[in-house]
Protein backbone atom coordinates (compact mmCIF):
# COMPACT_ATOMS: atom_id res chain seq x y z
CA MET A 1 0.00 0.00 0.00
CA PRO A 2 1.37 3.50 -0.84
CA ASN A 3 2.36 5.80 1.95
CA PRO A 4 -0.70 8.00 2.81
CA ASP A 5 1.66 10.71 4.07
CA SER A 6 3.56 11.12 0.80
CA ALA A 7 4.07 14.67 -0.49
CA ALA A 8 1.56 14.18 -3.30
CA THR A 9 -1.15 12.83 -1.02
CA ARG A 10 -0.62 15.51 1.63
CA THR A 11 -0.69 18.30 -0.96
CA ALA A 12 -3.83 17.02 -2.64
CA ARG A 13 -5.59 16.23 0.65
CA ILE A 14 -4.95 19.75 1.97
CA SER A 15 -6.22 21.23 -1.28
CA ILE A 16 -9.39 19.15 -1.17
CA ALA A 17 -9.99 19.37 2.58
CA GLU A 18 -10.00 23.16 2.36
CA ASP A 19 -12.62 22.94 -0.38
CA ALA A 20 -15.60 22.65 1.95
CA GLY A 21 -17.55 25.17 -0.11
CA MET A 22 -17.24 23.32 -3.41
CA PRO A 23 -20.65 23.16 -5.13
CA GLU A 24 -22.44 19.82 -5.29
CA VAL A 25 -22.30 17.97 -8.60
CA THR A 26 -25.16 15.49 -8.93
CA GLU A 27 -24.92 11.93 -10.24
CA PRO A 28 -27.59 12.53 -12.93
CA TYR A 29 -25.45 15.31 -14.34
CA ILE A 30 -22.31 13.15 -14.26
CA ARG A 31 -24.25 10.32 -15.93
CA GLU A 32 -25.32 12.72 -18.67
CA GLN A 33 -21.70 13.73 -19.23
CA LEU A 34 -20.53 10.11 -19.27
CA GLU A 35 -23.19 9.14 -21.79
CA LYS A 36 -22.09 12.01 -24.03
CA ARG A 37 -18.52 10.73 -23.83
CA ARG A 38 -19.67 7.21 -24.67
CA GLN A 39 -21.52 8.49 -27.71
CA GLU A 40 -18.45 10.41 -28.88
CA LEU A 41 -16.20 7.39 -28.37
CA ASN A 42 -18.58 5.16 -30.34
CA GLN A 43 -18.56 7.71 -33.15
CA ALA A 44 -14.75 7.78 -33.09
CA VAL A 45 -14.59 3.97 -33.28
CA ALA A 46 -17.08 3.91 -36.15
CA ALA A 47 -15.10 6.52 -38.08
CA ALA A 48 -11.58 5.19 -37.47
CA GLY A 49 -12.15 1.50 -36.76
CA PRO A 50 -11.50 -0.40 -33.52
CA GLY A 51 -8.61 0.96 -31.51
CA MET A 52 -7.23 -0.26 -28.21
CA ALA A 53 -7.30 3.21 -26.59
CA CYS A 54 -10.91 3.88 -27.56
CA GLN A 55 -12.01 0.40 -26.53
CA GLU A 56 -10.39 0.73 -23.12
CA LEU A 57 -12.02 4.11 -22.58
CA LEU A 58 -15.41 2.72 -23.59
CA VAL A 59 -15.03 -0.04 -21.00
CA GLU A 60 -14.16 2.51 -18.31
CA VAL A 61 -17.08 4.78 -19.21
CA ASP A 62 -19.51 1.83 -19.21
CA ALA A 63 -18.16 0.73 -15.84
CA ALA A 64 -18.66 4.22 -14.37
CA ILE A 65 -22.26 4.33 -15.63
CA GLY A 66 -22.77 0.88 -14.12
CA ARG A 67 -21.52 2.15 -10.75
CA ILE A 68 -24.05 4.98 -10.89
CA ASP A 69 -26.84 2.46 -11.58
CA GLN A 70 -25.65 0.29 -8.67
CA GLY A 71 -25.36 3.23 -6.28
CA THR A 72 -21.60 2.75 -5.78
CA TYR A 73 -20.35 5.65 -7.89
CA GLY A 74 -17.85 7.85 -6.02
CA ILE A 75 -17.00 5.07 -3.54
CA CYS A 76 -13.38 3.93 -3.25
CA GLU A 77 -13.10 0.30 -4.38
CA VAL A 78 -10.50 -0.46 -1.67
CA CYS A 79 -11.72 1.19 1.54
CA GLN A 80 -15.35 1.91 0.58
CA ASP A 81 -14.90 5.54 1.67
CA THR A 82 -16.01 8.44 -0.54
CA ILE A 83 -13.73 9.63 -3.33
CA GLU A 84 -12.85 13.33 -3.19
CA LYS A 85 -15.47 15.32 -5.14
CA GLU A 86 -12.85 17.58 -6.68
CA ARG A 87 -11.18 14.58 -8.32
CA LEU A 88 -14.51 13.28 -9.63
CA ILE A 89 -15.12 16.65 -11.27
CA ALA A 90 -11.69 16.60 -12.88
CA ASP A 91 -11.97 12.92 -13.91
CA PRO A 92 -15.37 11.17 -13.53
CA LEU A 93 -13.71 7.77 -14.16
CA VAL A 94 -11.62 7.66 -10.95
CA ARG A 95 -12.22 4.61 -8.75
CA LEU A 96 -9.88 5.11 -5.78
CA CYS A 97 -9.54 7.74 -3.06
CA LEU A 98 -6.23 9.53 -2.50
CA ASP A 99 -5.11 7.15 0.25
CA HIS A 100 -5.24 4.17 -2.10
CA LEU A 101 -3.45 5.49 -5.14
CA SER A 102 -0.36 3.53 -6.12
CA GLY A 103 3.06 5.08 -5.57
CA GLU A 104 3.34 5.92 -9.26
CA GLU A 105 -0.16 7.46 -9.26
CA GLN A 106 0.78 9.61 -6.28
CA ARG A 107 3.92 10.79 -8.03
CA ALA A 108 1.89 11.53 -11.16
CA LEU A 109 -0.58 13.54 -9.04
CA GLU A 110 2.26 15.55 -7.53
CA ARG A 111 3.64 16.27 -11.01
CA ASP A 112 0.19 17.31 -12.22
CA LEU A 113 -0.23 19.74 -9.30
CA GLU A 114 3.18 21.29 -9.90
CA LEU A 115 2.47 21.58 -13.62
CA ALA A 116 -0.94 23.15 -12.93
CA SER A 117 0.74 25.70 -10.66
CA ARG A 118 3.28 26.62 -13.34
CA VAL A 119 0.57 26.89 -15.99
CA GLN A 120 -1.51 29.16 -13.77
CA ARG A 121 1.34 31.49 -13.02
CA GLY A 122 2.25 31.57 -16.69
CA LEU A 123 -1.24 32.88 -17.49
CA LEU A 124 -0.98 35.84 -15.12
CA PRO A 125 -0.44 39.28 -16.66
CA GLN A 126 2.56 41.44 -15.91
CA PRO A 127 2.29 42.49 -12.24
CA ASP A 128 3.02 46.11 -13.15
CA MET A 129 1.50 47.60 -16.31
CA HIS A 130 1.27 51.08 -17.81
CA HIS A 131 -1.15 52.01 -20.56
CA GLY A 132 -1.92 55.60 -21.48
CA ASP A 133 -2.98 57.41 -18.32
CA TRP A 134 -3.33 54.15 -16.37
CA HIS A 135 -1.00 52.29 -14.05
CA VAL A 136 -2.08 48.82 -12.85
CA HIS A 137 -0.44 46.69 -10.19
CA TYR A 138 -1.62 43.51 -8.51
CA GLN A 139 -0.40 40.83 -6.10
CA TYR A 140 -1.57 37.24 -6.29
CA GLN A 141 -1.04 34.97 -3.30
CA PRO A 142 -2.50 31.43 -3.59
CA ALA A 143 -3.25 29.56 -0.39
CA GLY A 144 -1.82 26.39 -1.95
CA LEU A 145 -0.09 25.19 -5.08
CA VAL A 146 -3.03 26.17 -7.26
CA SER A 147 -5.59 28.94 -6.96
CA GLY A 148 -9.20 29.70 -7.77
CA ASP A 149 -8.58 33.46 -7.91
CA TYR A 150 -8.62 35.01 -11.36
CA CYS A 151 -7.03 38.26 -12.44
CA ASP A 152 -6.07 39.66 -15.82
CA VAL A 153 -5.22 42.95 -17.49
CA ILE A 154 -5.68 43.09 -21.25
CA ALA A 155 -4.22 45.95 -23.24
CA PRO A 156 -6.09 46.92 -26.44
CA GLU A 157 -4.65 45.86 -29.76
CA ASN A 158 -4.68 49.49 -30.87
CA GLY A 159 -2.73 51.79 -28.59
CA ASP A 160 -5.57 54.24 -27.92
CA GLY A 161 -8.28 51.70 -27.02
CA LYS A 162 -9.65 50.84 -23.61
CA LEU A 163 -7.72 48.80 -21.05
CA THR A 164 -9.67 45.76 -19.79
CA PHE A 165 -9.19 44.62 -16.19
CA LEU A 166 -10.70 41.57 -14.50
CA LEU A 167 -10.61 40.11 -11.01
CA GLY A 168 -12.67 37.21 -9.75
CA ASP A 169 -13.00 34.20 -7.52
CA VAL A 170 -14.11 30.72 -8.58
CA ALA A 171 -16.28 28.80 -6.09
CA GLY A 172 -14.22 26.19 -4.28
CA LYS A 173 -10.47 25.70 -4.12
CA GLY A 174 -7.83 23.36 -5.41
CA VAL A 175 -7.47 21.76 -8.82
CA ALA A 176 -11.13 21.99 -9.86
CA ALA A 177 -11.20 25.73 -9.11
CA SER A 178 -7.86 26.25 -10.87
CA LEU A 179 -9.23 24.56 -14.00
CA LEU A 180 -12.16 26.96 -14.02
CA MET A 181 -9.76 29.87 -13.52
CA THR A 182 -7.84 28.88 -16.67
CA HIS A 183 -11.16 28.49 -18.47
CA LEU A 184 -12.11 32.06 -17.55
CA HIS A 185 -8.73 33.30 -18.72
CA ALA A 186 -9.04 31.68 -22.15
CA MET A 187 -12.65 32.81 -22.53
CA PHE A 188 -12.08 36.50 -21.73
CA ARG A 189 -8.85 36.62 -23.74
CA SER A 190 -10.81 35.35 -26.75
CA LEU A 191 -13.81 37.62 -26.26
CA SER A 192 -11.84 40.77 -25.48
CA GLY A 193 -10.58 40.99 -29.05
CA LEU A 194 -14.10 41.26 -30.46
CA GLY A 195 -14.61 44.88 -29.39
CA LEU A 196 -17.78 44.14 -27.42
CA GLU A 197 -19.38 46.69 -25.14
CA LEU A 198 -18.82 45.82 -21.48
CA ALA A 199 -22.34 44.53 -20.74
CA LYS A 200 -22.31 42.40 -23.89
CA LEU A 201 -18.85 41.08 -23.03
CA ILE A 202 -19.82 39.75 -19.62
CA GLU A 203 -23.23 38.47 -20.79
CA THR A 204 -21.55 36.51 -23.57
CA ALA A 205 -18.90 35.20 -21.18
CA ASN A 206 -21.60 34.11 -18.74
CA ARG A 207 -23.50 32.23 -21.43
CA VAL A 208 -20.36 30.43 -22.64
CA PHE A 209 -19.38 29.64 -19.03
CA CYS A 210 -22.82 28.16 -18.30
CA GLU A 211 -22.71 25.98 -21.40
CA SER A 212 -19.20 24.65 -20.80
CA THR A 213 -19.07 23.83 -17.08
CA PHE A 214 -20.71 21.43 -14.65
CA ALA A 215 -24.00 22.49 -13.10
CA GLY A 216 -23.35 24.27 -9.81
CA GLN A 217 -19.95 25.67 -10.76
CA TYR A 218 -19.78 29.45 -10.70
CA ALA A 219 -17.47 32.42 -10.27
CA THR A 220 -17.84 35.95 -8.94
CA LEU A 221 -16.15 38.53 -11.10
CA ILE A 222 -15.63 42.24 -11.55
CA CYS A 223 -14.77 43.47 -15.02
CA GLY A 224 -14.01 46.96 -16.29
CA HIS A 225 -12.83 49.14 -19.13
CA ALA A 226 -10.47 52.04 -18.40
CA GLY A 227 -10.53 54.63 -21.16
CA ALA A 228 -9.40 58.13 -22.00
CA GLY A 229 -10.03 61.08 -19.69
CA GLY A 230 -10.17 58.93 -16.56
CA VAL A 231 -13.50 57.31 -17.53
CA VAL A 232 -13.96 53.79 -16.17
CA GLU A 233 -16.85 51.40 -16.86
CA ILE A 234 -17.41 48.60 -14.36
CA THR A 235 -19.74 45.62 -14.18
CA SER A 236 -19.92 42.98 -11.48
CA ALA A 237 -21.03 39.36 -11.41
CA GLY A 238 -21.74 39.04 -7.71
CA HIS A 239 -18.30 40.29 -6.62
CA TYR A 240 -17.36 42.85 -3.97
CA PRO A 241 -17.76 46.42 -5.27
CA ALA A 242 -14.66 48.21 -6.52
CA LEU A 243 -13.49 51.00 -4.20
CA HIS A 244 -12.90 54.44 -5.73
CA ILE A 245 -10.10 56.13 -3.75
CA SER A 246 -10.13 59.89 -4.19
CA LYS A 247 -9.02 62.92 -2.18
CA ASN A 248 -12.55 63.00 -0.77
CA GLY A 249 -12.29 59.48 0.66
CA VAL A 250 -13.49 56.05 -0.50
CA ALA A 251 -16.70 55.28 -2.36
CA GLU A 252 -18.06 51.98 -3.65
CA VAL A 253 -18.60 51.64 -7.39
CA CYS A 254 -21.62 49.34 -7.50
CA SER A 255 -23.09 47.38 -10.37
CA THR A 256 -25.34 44.37 -10.14
CA GLY A 257 -25.43 40.89 -11.59
CA VAL A 258 -25.39 37.28 -10.40
CA PRO A 259 -22.18 35.20 -10.49
CA LEU A 260 -21.10 33.71 -13.80
CA GLY A 261 -22.40 30.20 -14.37
CA MET A 262 -25.71 30.44 -12.50
CA PHE A 263 -28.16 31.44 -15.24
CA SER A 264 -27.28 31.53 -18.91
CA LYS A 265 -29.59 34.48 -19.66
CA SER A 266 -28.39 36.76 -16.86
CA THR A 267 -28.06 40.47 -17.61
CA TYR A 268 -25.62 42.91 -16.02
CA THR A 269 -25.64 46.64 -15.30
CA VAL A 270 -22.69 48.91 -16.02
CA SER A 271 -21.56 51.74 -13.74
CA ARG A 272 -19.38 54.63 -14.91
CA VAL A 273 -17.03 56.73 -12.84
CA THR A 274 -14.44 59.35 -13.73
CA LEU A 275 -11.14 59.22 -11.88
CA ALA A 276 -9.16 62.42 -11.35
CA PRO A 277 -5.37 62.26 -11.64
CA GLY A 278 -4.08 60.43 -8.56
CA ASP A 279 -7.39 58.59 -7.99
CA ALA A 280 -7.41 54.81 -7.97
CA LEU A 281 -9.71 51.79 -8.01
CA LEU A 282 -9.09 48.97 -5.54
CA LEU A 283 -10.28 45.43 -6.30
CA TYR A 284 -9.83 42.39 -4.04
CA THR A 285 -11.03 38.83 -3.48
CA ASP A 286 -12.64 37.42 -0.34
CA GLY A 287 -9.34 36.01 0.87
CA ILE A 288 -8.61 39.62 1.90
CA SER A 289 -11.87 40.64 3.56
CA GLU A 290 -12.42 37.22 5.17
CA ALA A 291 -8.87 36.79 6.45
CA ALA A 292 -9.24 35.71 10.08
CA GLY A 293 -7.24 36.66 13.14
CA PRO A 294 -6.37 34.33 16.03
CA ASP A 295 -9.73 35.09 17.66
CA GLY A 296 -11.64 34.03 14.53
CA LEU A 297 -12.81 37.55 13.68
CA GLU A 298 -12.54 38.59 10.01
CA PHE A 299 -10.59 41.55 8.64
CA GLY A 300 -13.81 42.82 7.06
CA VAL A 301 -14.88 44.99 4.14
CA ALA A 302 -15.07 48.10 6.33
CA GLN A 303 -11.42 47.71 7.35
CA VAL A 304 -10.38 47.33 3.69
CA ALA A 305 -12.09 50.67 3.01
CA ARG A 306 -10.46 52.32 6.05
CA VAL A 307 -6.99 51.25 4.94
CA ALA A 308 -7.68 52.46 1.40
CA ALA A 309 -8.95 55.85 2.61
CA ASN A 310 -5.48 56.77 3.83
CA GLN A 311 -3.70 55.82 0.62
CA HIS A 312 -4.87 58.42 -1.93
CA GLY A 313 -2.11 59.46 -4.30
CA LEU A 314 0.22 56.58 -3.46
CA PRO A 315 1.66 54.42 -6.28
CA PRO A 316 -0.35 51.23 -6.84
CA ARG A 317 2.46 48.98 -5.60
CA LYS A 318 2.57 50.90 -2.31
CA LEU A 319 -1.20 50.79 -1.88
CA VAL A 320 -1.35 47.03 -2.53
CA GLY A 321 1.58 46.38 -0.21
CA THR A 322 0.08 48.46 2.59
CA LEU A 323 -3.23 46.59 2.44
CA LEU A 324 -1.54 43.17 2.43
CA ASP A 325 0.71 44.21 5.32
CA GLN A 326 -2.38 45.22 7.31
CA VAL A 327 -4.10 41.90 6.53
CA HIS A 328 -1.04 39.88 7.54
CA ALA A 329 -0.62 41.89 10.74
CA PHE A 330 -4.28 41.28 11.57
CA SER A 331 -3.90 37.53 10.97
CA LYS A 332 -0.80 37.43 13.22
CA GLY A 333 0.75 34.47 11.46
CA ALA A 334 -2.46 32.44 11.19
CA HIS A 335 -2.66 29.97 8.30
CA GLN A 336 -3.78 31.59 5.04
CA ALA A 337 -7.05 29.77 4.45
CA ASP A 338 -7.98 31.30 1.10
CA ASP A 339 -6.34 32.74 -1.98
CA GLN A 340 -5.62 36.48 -1.73
CA THR A 341 -5.52 38.81 -4.72
CA VAL A 342 -5.47 42.61 -4.74
CA MET A 343 -5.45 44.87 -7.81
CA VAL A 344 -5.13 48.66 -8.07
CA ILE A 345 -5.90 50.67 -11.22
CA ARG A 346 -4.61 54.26 -10.84
CA ARG A 347 -4.96 57.27 -13.11
CA THR A 348 -1.53 58.85 -13.36
């Protein structure tokens, strides 16, 4: 039996154990997905002739459907304990829990996690970006090897177009959330080149997200366009409001909409605000506001706003660093339970 305390198993178990909020994925939905895969495999065999790889996959898919019919789907074949839901989402054919993977399977899992981490970091934009009158800086701190936080900054293809900024948080943690994060990245990168108005951009992204993910998977997101003259358009899919930091204090920039992935026909409102030179927008994920101290109390949205209120005119890097320093001081060395991402968009 493989060592249950191997590096791969510990890493994956921590990732999955922290994922208490992962949405439920029902067996009828998984069965539907498996039957679609079986149909596609049968079509591939019919078109190309019998092949060992396709035949083996067909056997595995049929066996998984049989386990659903027998009521044993998602049960480890060795210990009869439940298989981690995150792994079933990533691969609905798995038959063993983490503790009963072979040594080679554990090493493969560790390699996959490390590769996923490198891929994620490779998708991140430059941490410090200048475009026209705008200066953007962010910091991205995963709680583990992989993250469900999403952030991107997309410069227009033509030099005088609008800068697109995005920051969001996929429901859950670990590998399943990181896969959705990369899905969001590819989707918005593709759509951003179409020149869509902001409301149309996020409505289209939501529809594509709904049609290409499991039922119950969703993401909160804030998306904006920063244009000439300090004009910023912002829309939100259930995310915390952006904070407008001006010499007069801090004000929320609110727009409404449900998280991506909940309803395919959702509509979203767009708010507009004009930033004066030196003003900034602060965006953050819930790993910041919900960071807990030793007594269990959370840092809180109000404290984020209070910290921001004293930072008008500071460079984005300084503002981000000050907020993170305050969060870490509040936590007093407590374990970082959630991914933390902060982004500042400042008019120079």
